[in-house]
C-alpha atoms as a PDB file:
ATOM      1  CA  UNK A   1       0.000   0.000   0.000  1.00  0.00           C
ATOM      2  CA  UNK A   2       1.341   3.404  -0.920  1.00  0.00           C
ATOM      3  CA  UNK A   3       1.429   5.791   2.021  1.00  0.00           C
ATOM      4  CA  UNK A   4       0.087   9.306   1.855  1.00  0.00           C
ATOM      5  CA  UNK A   5       3.617  10.708   2.073  1.00  0.00           C
ATOM      6  CA  UNK A   6       4.873   8.526  -0.789  1.00  0.00           C
ATOM      7  CA  UNK A   7       1.918   9.590  -2.910  1.00  0.00           C
ATOM      8  CA  UNK A   8       2.533  13.273  -2.198  1.00  0.00           C
ATOM      9  CA  UNK A   9       6.229  12.846  -3.003  1.00  0.00           C
ATOM     10  CA  UNK A  10       5.384  11.321  -6.391  1.00  0.00           C
ATOM     11  CA  UNK A  11       2.874  14.079  -7.163  1.00  0.00           C
ATOM     12  CA  UNK A  12       5.422  16.746  -6.220  1.00  0.00           C
ATOM     13  CA  UNK A  13       8.168  15.137  -8.309  1.00  0.00           C
ATOM     14  CA  UNK A  14       6.196  14.483 -11.508  1.00  0.00           C
ATOM     15  CA  UNK A  15       3.414  17.066 -11.343  1.00  0.00           C
ATOM     16  CA  UNK A  16       3.381  20.650 -12.530  1.00  0.00           C
ATOM     17  CA  UNK A  17       2.374  21.778  -9.043  1.00  0.00           C
ATOM     18  CA  UNK A  18       1.792  20.003  -5.693  1.00  0.00           C
ATOM     19  CA  UNK A  19      -1.945  19.595  -6.403  1.00  0.00           C
ATOM     20  CA  UNK A  20      -1.502  18.209  -9.931  1.00  0.00           C
ATOM     21  CA  UNK A  21      -2.743  14.639  -9.577  1.00  0.00           C
ATOM     22  CA  UNK A  22      -4.459  14.395 -12.945  1.00  0.00           C
ATOM     23  CA  UNK A  23      -1.659  14.783 -15.465  1.00  0.00           C
ATOM     24  CA  UNK A  24      -0.622  11.677 -17.355  1.00  0.00           C
ATOM     25  CA  UNK A  25       2.939  11.718 -15.979  1.00  0.00           C
ATOM     26  CA  UNK A  26       1.699  11.718 -12.376  1.00  0.00           C
ATOM     27  CA  UNK A  27      -0.844   8.992 -13.056  1.00  0.00           C
ATOM     28  CA  UNK A  28       1.780   6.797 -14.728  1.00  0.00           C
ATOM     29  CA  UNK A  29       4.163   7.292 -11.795  1.00  0.00           C
ATOM     30  CA  UNK A  30       1.445   6.502  -9.237  1.00  0.00           C
ATOM     31  CA  UNK A  31       0.345   3.389 -11.105  1.00  0.00           C
ATOM     32  CA  UNK A  32       3.983   2.270 -11.329  1.00  0.00           C
ATOM     33  CA  UNK A  33       4.332   2.621  -7.562  1.00  0.00           C
ATOM     34  CA  UNK A  34       1.162   0.554  -7.037  1.00  0.00           C
ATOM     35  CA  UNK A  35       2.389  -2.115  -9.463  1.00  0.00           C
ATOM     36  CA  UNK A  36       5.734  -2.392  -7.681  1.00  0.00           C
ATOM     37  CA  UNK A  37       3.967  -2.631  -4.328  1.00  0.00           C
ATOM     38  CA  UNK A  38       1.651  -5.396  -5.559  1.00  0.00           C
ATOM     39  CA  UNK A  39       4.603  -7.208  -7.098  1.00  0.00           C
ATOM     40  CA  UNK A  40       6.258  -7.380  -3.667  1.00  0.00           C
ATOM     41  CA  UNK A  41       3.014  -8.808  -2.277  1.00  0.00           C
ATOM     42  CA  UNK A  42       2.927 -11.523  -4.937  1.00  0.00           C
ATOM     43  CA  UNK A  43       6.589 -12.409  -4.413  1.00  0.00           C
ATOM     44  CA  UNK A  44       5.879 -13.039  -0.727  1.00  0.00           C
ATOM     45  CA  UNK A  45       2.690 -15.015  -1.347  1.00  0.00           C
ATOM     46  CA  UNK A  46       3.543 -17.700  -3.868  1.00  0.00           C
ATOM     47  CA  UNK A  47       2.970 -21.421  -3.599  1.00  0.00           C
ATOM     48  CA  UNK A  48       5.818 -23.900  -3.807  1.00  0.00           C
ATOM     49  CA  UNK A  49       5.110 -24.446  -7.501  1.00  0.00           C
ATOM     50  CA  UNK A  50       5.388 -20.676  -8.126  1.00  0.00           C
ATOM     51  CA  UNK A  51       1.681 -19.961  -8.618  1.00  0.00           C
ATOM     52  CA  UNK A  52       0.065 -16.865  -7.163  1.00  0.00           C
ATOM     53  CA  UNK A  53      -2.233 -17.563  -4.208  1.00  0.00           C
ATOM     54  CA  UNK A  54      -4.218 -14.338  -4.506  1.00  0.00           C
ATOM     55  CA  UNK A  55      -5.909 -14.646  -7.912  1.00  0.00           C
ATOM     56  CA  UNK A  56      -8.337 -11.770  -7.376  1.00  0.00           C
ATOM     57  CA  UNK A  57      -5.565  -9.312  -6.621  1.00  0.00           C
ATOM     58  CA  UNK A  58      -3.601 -10.630  -9.575  1.00  0.00           C
ATOM     59  CA  UNK A  59      -6.484  -9.725 -11.863  1.00  0.00           C
ATOM     60  CA  UNK A  60      -6.485  -6.252 -10.325  1.00  0.00           C
ATOM     61  CA  UNK A  61      -2.766  -5.997 -11.047  1.00  0.00           C
ATOM     62  CA  UNK A  62      -3.398  -6.846 -14.685  1.00  0.00           C
ATOM     63  CA  UNK A  63      -6.033  -4.090 -14.873  1.00  0.00           C
ATOM     64  CA  UNK A  64      -3.600  -1.568 -13.387  1.00  0.00           C
ATOM     65  CA  UNK A  65      -0.889  -2.602 -15.859  1.00  0.00           C
ATOM     66  CA  UNK A  66      -3.280  -2.171 -18.799  1.00  0.00           C
ATOM     67  CA  UNK A  67      -4.402   1.215 -17.498  1.00  0.00           C
ATOM     68  CA  UNK A  68      -0.775   2.345 -17.240  1.00  0.00           C
ATOM     69  CA  UNK A  69      -0.088   1.020 -20.729  1.00  0.00           C
ATOM     70  CA  UNK A  70      -2.900   3.080 -22.234  1.00  0.00           C
ATOM     71  CA  UNK A  71      -1.771   6.194 -20.352  1.00  0.00           C
ATOM     72  CA  UNK A  72       1.777   5.657 -21.614  1.00  0.00           C
ATOM     73  CA  UNK A  73       0.497   5.388 -25.179  1.00  0.00           C
ATOM     74  CA  UNK A  74      -1.439   8.643 -24.784  1.00  0.00           C
ATOM     75  CA  UNK A  75       1.481  10.473 -23.146  1.00  0.00           C
ATOM     76  CA  UNK A  76       3.918   9.278 -25.811  1.00  0.00           C
ATOM     77  CA  UNK A  77       1.615  10.619 -28.518  1.00  0.00           C
ATOM     78  CA  UNK A  78       1.068  13.996 -26.801  1.00  0.00           C
ATOM     79  CA  UNK A  79       4.550  14.664 -25.373  1.00  0.00           C
ATOM     80  CA  UNK A  80       7.299  12.396 -26.789  1.00  0.00           C
ATOM     81  CA  UNK A  81      10.150  14.230 -25.018  1.00  0.00           C
ATOM     82  CA  UNK A  82       8.387  14.163 -21.664  1.00  0.00           C
ATOM     83  CA  UNK A  83       7.534  10.499 -22.174  1.00  0.00           C
ATOM     84  CA  UNK A  84      11.165   9.563 -22.800  1.00  0.00           C
ATOM     85  CA  UNK A  85      12.242  11.458 -19.688  1.00  0.00           C
ATOM     86  CA  UNK A  86       9.499   9.861 -17.564  1.00  0.00           C
ATOM     87  CA  UNK A  87      10.336   6.340 -18.725  1.00  0.00           C
ATOM     88  CA  UNK A  88      13.996   6.897 -17.936  1.00  0.00           C
ATOM     89  CA  UNK A  89      13.301   8.305 -14.453  1.00  0.00           C
ATOM     90  CA  UNK A  90      10.882   5.473 -13.580  1.00  0.00           C
ATOM     91  CA  UNK A  91      13.184   2.827 -15.040  1.00  0.00           C
ATOM     92  CA  UNK A  92      10.454   1.141 -17.063  1.00  0.00           C
ATOM     93  CA  UNK A  93      12.466   0.284 -20.188  1.00  0.00           C
ATOM     94  CA  UNK A  94      15.777  -1.506 -20.302  1.00  0.00           C
END
């Protein structure tokens, strides 16, 4: 779970102002933080065969990933330079 302080830090870092929670860059960064947090949860809660125990949350993770993907597509189309900078700072591409 992302704490209030972590959320505010992300908004301050990627937003145009401290109240800017709606821009695509901020939303992508927030979704990335949620994805990383859920990934830690799934790493801790795996069966011996490697399957995920929490199937409902896994489906939610897939929805979040798809939402981030569509936001990335939009942001890349609208602001290619900003997109490249955001991807580099979040470490999404290798």
